[in-house]
């Protein structure tokens, strides 16, 4: 079994640190995450989830909290679907099957 399934979770972790805690915000890290790493995910649907979350965080439309990050990982473990539901929102950024 490969480790591909860890990539999306790692990128969400970075996004949480950047949006909620304002850390890991070096311009080179942001650029490489947004333009390269987020586009390297093999799973097309997961890639779309991550891209949408990045776009919303970067535009200030959303803050990815630690609770939301952990809920997304729990949901994926229990159902095989990764989705990001934001606090106070009835809809998720998107949900995907892994």
N, C-alpha and C. Protein backbone atom coordinates (compact mmCIF):
# COMPACT_ATOMS: atom_id res chain seq x y z
N UNK A 1 0.85 -1.18 0.00
CA UNK A 1 0.00 0.00 0.00
C UNK A 1 0.89 1.24 0.00
N UNK A 2 0.63 2.13 -0.92
CA UNK A 2 1.40 3.36 -1.02
C UNK A 2 0.96 4.39 0.01
N UNK A 3 1.58 5.52 -0.05
CA UNK A 3 1.29 6.59 0.90
C UNK A 3 0.54 7.74 0.27
N UNK A 4 0.03 7.56 -0.93
CA UNK A 4 -0.69 8.61 -1.65
C UNK A 4 -1.84 9.17 -0.82
N UNK A 5 -2.49 8.33 -0.04
CA UNK A 5 -3.64 8.77 0.74
C UNK A 5 -3.27 9.81 1.81
N UNK A 6 -2.00 9.95 2.11
CA UNK A 6 -1.56 10.93 3.12
C UNK A 6 -1.38 12.33 2.54
N UNK A 7 -1.24 12.44 1.24
CA UNK A 7 -0.94 13.74 0.62
C UNK A 7 -2.02 14.79 0.85
N UNK A 8 -3.27 14.44 0.63
CA UNK A 8 -4.36 15.40 0.81
C UNK A 8 -4.46 15.86 2.25
N UNK A 9 -4.32 14.91 3.19
CA UNK A 9 -4.38 15.25 4.61
C UNK A 9 -3.24 16.20 4.98
N UNK A 10 -2.06 15.96 4.44
CA UNK A 10 -0.92 16.82 4.73
C UNK A 10 -1.16 18.24 4.21
N UNK A 11 -1.68 18.35 3.00
CA UNK A 11 -1.95 19.68 2.44
C UNK A 11 -3.03 20.40 3.24
N UNK A 12 -4.04 19.66 3.71
CA UNK A 12 -5.06 20.29 4.57
C UNK A 12 -4.45 20.76 5.88
N UNK A 13 -3.51 19.98 6.42
CA UNK A 13 -2.82 20.39 7.65
C UNK A 13 -2.08 21.72 7.41
N UNK A 14 -1.35 21.79 6.31
CA UNK A 14 -0.65 23.04 6.00
C UNK A 14 -1.63 24.20 5.86
N UNK A 15 -2.74 23.94 5.18
CA UNK A 15 -3.74 25.00 4.98
C UNK A 15 -4.33 25.45 6.31
N UNK A 16 -4.54 24.51 7.23
CA UNK A 16 -5.03 24.88 8.56
C UNK A 16 -4.02 25.77 9.27
N UNK A 17 -2.76 25.39 9.23
CA UNK A 17 -1.73 26.20 9.89
C UNK A 17 -1.66 27.60 9.28
N UNK A 18 -1.81 27.68 7.98
CA UNK A 18 -1.73 28.97 7.30
C UNK A 18 -2.95 29.83 7.59
N UNK A 19 -4.13 29.24 7.57
CA UNK A 19 -5.34 30.06 7.68
C UNK A 19 -5.74 30.36 9.12
N UNK A 20 -5.64 29.39 10.00
CA UNK A 20 -6.09 29.60 11.38
C UNK A 20 -4.99 30.21 12.25
N UNK A 21 -3.76 29.82 12.01
CA UNK A 21 -2.67 30.21 12.90
C UNK A 21 -1.68 31.18 12.27
N UNK A 22 -1.87 31.49 11.00
CA UNK A 22 -1.00 32.41 10.27
C UNK A 22 0.48 32.02 10.38
N UNK A 23 0.73 30.72 10.25
CA UNK A 23 2.10 30.21 10.23
C UNK A 23 2.34 29.53 8.90
N UNK A 24 3.57 29.19 8.63
CA UNK A 24 3.96 28.55 7.37
C UNK A 24 3.48 29.38 6.17
N UNK A 25 3.66 30.69 6.27
CA UNK A 25 3.13 31.60 5.26
C UNK A 25 4.22 32.25 4.40
N UNK A 26 5.40 31.67 4.40
CA UNK A 26 6.45 32.17 3.51
C UNK A 26 5.93 32.16 2.08
N UNK A 27 6.20 33.20 1.33
CA UNK A 27 5.67 33.33 -0.03
C UNK A 27 6.06 32.14 -0.91
N UNK A 28 7.25 31.60 -0.71
CA UNK A 28 7.68 30.46 -1.52
C UNK A 28 6.91 29.19 -1.16
N UNK A 29 6.61 29.02 0.11
CA UNK A 29 5.81 27.87 0.53
C UNK A 29 4.38 27.98 0.00
N UNK A 30 3.80 29.15 0.12
CA UNK A 30 2.44 29.35 -0.39
C UNK A 30 2.39 29.11 -1.90
N UNK A 31 3.36 29.66 -2.61
CA UNK A 31 3.39 29.52 -4.06
C UNK A 31 3.56 28.06 -4.47
N UNK A 32 4.47 27.35 -3.82
CA UNK A 32 4.69 25.96 -4.21
C UNK A 32 3.49 25.10 -3.85
N UNK A 33 2.84 25.41 -2.73
CA UNK A 33 1.64 24.65 -2.36
C UNK A 33 0.50 24.90 -3.35
N UNK A 34 0.26 26.17 -3.63
CA UNK A 34 -0.86 26.54 -4.49
C UNK A 34 -0.66 26.13 -5.94
N UNK A 35 0.54 26.31 -6.44
CA UNK A 35 0.77 26.08 -7.87
C UNK A 35 1.31 24.69 -8.18
N UNK A 36 1.91 24.01 -7.21
CA UNK A 36 2.52 22.73 -7.52
C UNK A 36 1.90 21.59 -6.71
N UNK A 37 2.10 21.57 -5.39
CA UNK A 37 1.71 20.41 -4.58
C UNK A 37 0.22 20.12 -4.63
N UNK A 38 -0.61 21.13 -4.61
CA UNK A 38 -2.05 20.90 -4.66
C UNK A 38 -2.49 20.29 -5.99
N UNK A 39 -1.70 20.48 -7.01
CA UNK A 39 -2.03 19.94 -8.33
C UNK A 39 -1.40 18.57 -8.59
N UNK A 40 -0.61 18.07 -7.64
CA UNK A 40 0.07 16.79 -7.82
C UNK A 40 -0.70 15.60 -7.25
N UNK A 41 -1.82 15.86 -6.63
CA UNK A 41 -2.61 14.75 -6.08
C UNK A 41 -3.14 13.90 -7.22
N UNK A 42 -3.01 12.61 -7.11
CA UNK A 42 -3.45 11.71 -8.17
C UNK A 42 -4.96 11.64 -8.29
N UNK A 43 -5.64 11.68 -7.15
CA UNK A 43 -7.09 11.59 -7.15
C UNK A 43 -7.67 12.93 -7.60
N UNK A 44 -8.33 12.93 -8.74
CA UNK A 44 -8.84 14.17 -9.32
C UNK A 44 -9.83 14.88 -8.42
N UNK A 45 -10.73 14.14 -7.80
CA UNK A 45 -11.74 14.75 -6.94
C UNK A 45 -11.10 15.36 -5.69
N UNK A 46 -10.13 14.64 -5.12
CA UNK A 46 -9.44 15.17 -3.94
C UNK A 46 -8.65 16.42 -4.31
N UNK A 47 -8.05 16.39 -5.47
CA UNK A 47 -7.32 17.56 -5.97
C UNK A 47 -8.26 18.77 -6.05
N UNK A 48 -9.48 18.55 -6.51
CA UNK A 48 -10.45 19.63 -6.62
C UNK A 48 -10.86 20.16 -5.24
N UNK A 49 -11.05 19.26 -4.28
CA UNK A 49 -11.39 19.68 -2.91
C UNK A 49 -10.30 20.58 -2.35
N UNK A 50 -9.07 20.15 -2.49
CA UNK A 50 -7.94 20.93 -1.96
C UNK A 50 -7.83 22.27 -2.66
N UNK A 51 -7.97 22.28 -3.98
CA UNK A 51 -7.88 23.54 -4.74
C UNK A 51 -8.98 24.52 -4.31
N UNK A 52 -10.21 24.01 -4.14
CA UNK A 52 -11.31 24.88 -3.71
C UNK A 52 -11.06 25.44 -2.32
N UNK A 53 -10.57 24.60 -1.43
CA UNK A 53 -10.28 25.07 -0.07
C UNK A 53 -9.18 26.13 -0.08
N UNK A 54 -8.14 25.90 -0.85
CA UNK A 54 -7.05 26.88 -0.96
C UNK A 54 -7.58 28.20 -1.50
N UNK A 55 -8.39 28.14 -2.54
CA UNK A 55 -8.94 29.35 -3.14
C UNK A 55 -9.77 30.13 -2.11
N UNK A 56 -10.60 29.44 -1.36
CA UNK A 56 -11.45 30.11 -0.36
C UNK A 56 -10.62 30.68 0.78
N UNK A 57 -9.60 29.97 1.22
CA UNK A 57 -8.74 30.48 2.29
C UNK A 57 -7.96 31.69 1.81
N UNK A 58 -7.36 31.60 0.63
CA UNK A 58 -6.55 32.70 0.12
C UNK A 58 -7.38 33.96 -0.13
N UNK A 59 -8.64 33.79 -0.50
CA UNK A 59 -9.50 34.94 -0.77
C UNK A 59 -10.16 35.49 0.49
N UNK A 60 -9.96 34.83 1.62
CA UNK A 60 -10.55 35.29 2.87
C UNK A 60 -11.99 34.85 3.08
N UNK A 61 -12.50 33.99 2.21
CA UNK A 61 -13.88 33.51 2.34
C UNK A 61 -14.03 32.46 3.43
N UNK A 62 -12.91 31.88 3.85
CA UNK A 62 -12.98 30.77 4.79
C UNK A 62 -11.69 30.68 5.58
N UNK A 63 -11.81 30.22 6.83
CA UNK A 63 -10.67 29.84 7.64
C UNK A 63 -10.84 28.37 7.94
N UNK A 64 -9.86 27.58 7.61
CA UNK A 64 -9.91 26.15 7.89
C UNK A 64 -9.42 25.93 9.31
N UNK A 65 -10.35 25.61 10.21
CA UNK A 65 -9.99 25.42 11.62
C UNK A 65 -9.46 24.02 11.85
N UNK A 66 -8.82 23.83 12.97
CA UNK A 66 -8.30 22.52 13.34
C UNK A 66 -9.44 21.52 13.50
N UNK A 67 -10.55 21.96 14.09
CA UNK A 67 -11.70 21.08 14.25
C UNK A 67 -12.24 20.62 12.89
N UNK A 68 -12.29 21.53 11.92
CA UNK A 68 -12.76 21.17 10.57
C UNK A 68 -11.80 20.20 9.90
N UNK A 69 -10.51 20.44 10.09
CA UNK A 69 -9.49 19.55 9.54
C UNK A 69 -9.64 18.15 10.13
N UNK A 70 -9.75 18.06 11.45
CA UNK A 70 -9.88 16.76 12.10
C UNK A 70 -11.19 16.07 11.72
N UNK A 71 -12.26 16.85 11.57
CA UNK A 71 -13.54 16.28 11.15
C UNK A 71 -13.45 15.71 9.74
N UNK A 72 -12.72 16.38 8.88
CA UNK A 72 -12.55 15.90 7.50
C UNK A 72 -11.80 14.57 7.49
N UNK A 73 -10.77 14.46 8.32
CA UNK A 73 -10.01 13.22 8.40
C UNK A 73 -10.84 12.09 9.02
N UNK A 74 -11.62 12.43 10.03
CA UNK A 74 -12.49 11.43 10.66
C UNK A 74 -13.54 10.94 9.66
N UNK A 75 -14.14 11.87 8.94
CA UNK A 75 -15.15 11.53 7.94
C UNK A 75 -14.54 10.62 6.87
N UNK A 76 -13.34 10.93 6.45
CA UNK A 76 -12.67 10.11 5.44
C UNK A 76 -12.39 8.71 5.96
N UNK A 77 -11.96 8.61 7.21
CA UNK A 77 -11.67 7.31 7.80
C UNK A 77 -12.93 6.46 7.92
N UNK A 78 -14.04 7.09 8.31
CA UNK A 78 -15.28 6.36 8.53
C UNK A 78 -16.04 6.06 7.25
N UNK A 79 -15.99 6.97 6.28
CA UNK A 79 -16.84 6.82 5.09
C UNK A 79 -16.06 6.71 3.79
N UNK A 80 -14.78 7.06 3.82
CA UNK A 80 -14.00 7.07 2.59
C UNK A 80 -14.18 8.34 1.80
N UNK A 81 -14.90 9.31 2.37
CA UNK A 81 -15.17 10.58 1.68
C UNK A 81 -14.51 11.72 2.44
N UNK A 82 -13.70 12.49 1.74
CA UNK A 82 -13.06 13.66 2.32
C UNK A 82 -13.85 14.88 1.90
N UNK A 83 -14.31 15.63 2.87
CA UNK A 83 -15.03 16.86 2.60
C UNK A 83 -14.75 17.83 3.71
N UNK A 84 -14.85 19.09 3.44
CA UNK A 84 -14.56 20.11 4.43
C UNK A 84 -15.84 20.89 4.68
N UNK A 85 -16.42 20.67 5.85
CA UNK A 85 -17.60 21.44 6.25
C UNK A 85 -17.12 22.56 7.14
N UNK A 86 -17.44 23.79 6.80
CA UNK A 86 -16.99 24.92 7.59
C UNK A 86 -18.00 25.25 8.67
N UNK A 87 -17.51 25.77 9.79
CA UNK A 87 -18.40 26.11 10.90
C UNK A 87 -19.45 27.11 10.45
N UNK A 88 -20.67 26.90 10.90
CA UNK A 88 -21.75 27.81 10.56
C UNK A 88 -22.24 27.65 9.14
N UNK A 89 -21.77 26.62 8.47
CA UNK A 89 -22.17 26.39 7.09
C UNK A 89 -22.82 25.03 6.99
N UNK A 90 -23.93 24.96 6.30
CA UNK A 90 -24.61 23.69 6.12
C UNK A 90 -24.00 22.90 4.96
N UNK A 91 -23.25 23.56 4.12
CA UNK A 91 -22.66 22.88 2.97
C UNK A 91 -21.17 22.70 3.18
N UNK A 92 -20.63 21.73 2.52
CA UNK A 92 -19.19 21.52 2.61
C UNK A 92 -18.55 22.16 1.38
N UNK A 93 -17.24 22.39 1.48
CA UNK A 93 -16.53 22.89 0.30
C UNK A 93 -16.78 21.92 -0.82
N UNK A 94 -16.67 20.67 -0.52
CA UNK A 94 -17.01 19.60 -1.43
C UNK A 94 -16.75 18.29 -0.71
N UNK A 95 -17.25 17.24 -1.22
CA UNK A 95 -17.00 15.92 -0.64
C UNK A 95 -16.56 15.01 -1.75
N UNK A 96 -15.58 14.18 -1.45
CA UNK A 96 -15.06 13.30 -2.48
C UNK A 96 -14.86 11.92 -1.92
N UNK A 97 -14.86 10.94 -2.76
CA UNK A 97 -14.56 9.58 -2.36
C UNK A 97 -13.08 9.34 -2.59
N UNK A 98 -12.45 8.68 -1.62
CA UNK A 98 -11.02 8.39 -1.77
C UNK A 98 -10.81 6.97 -2.22
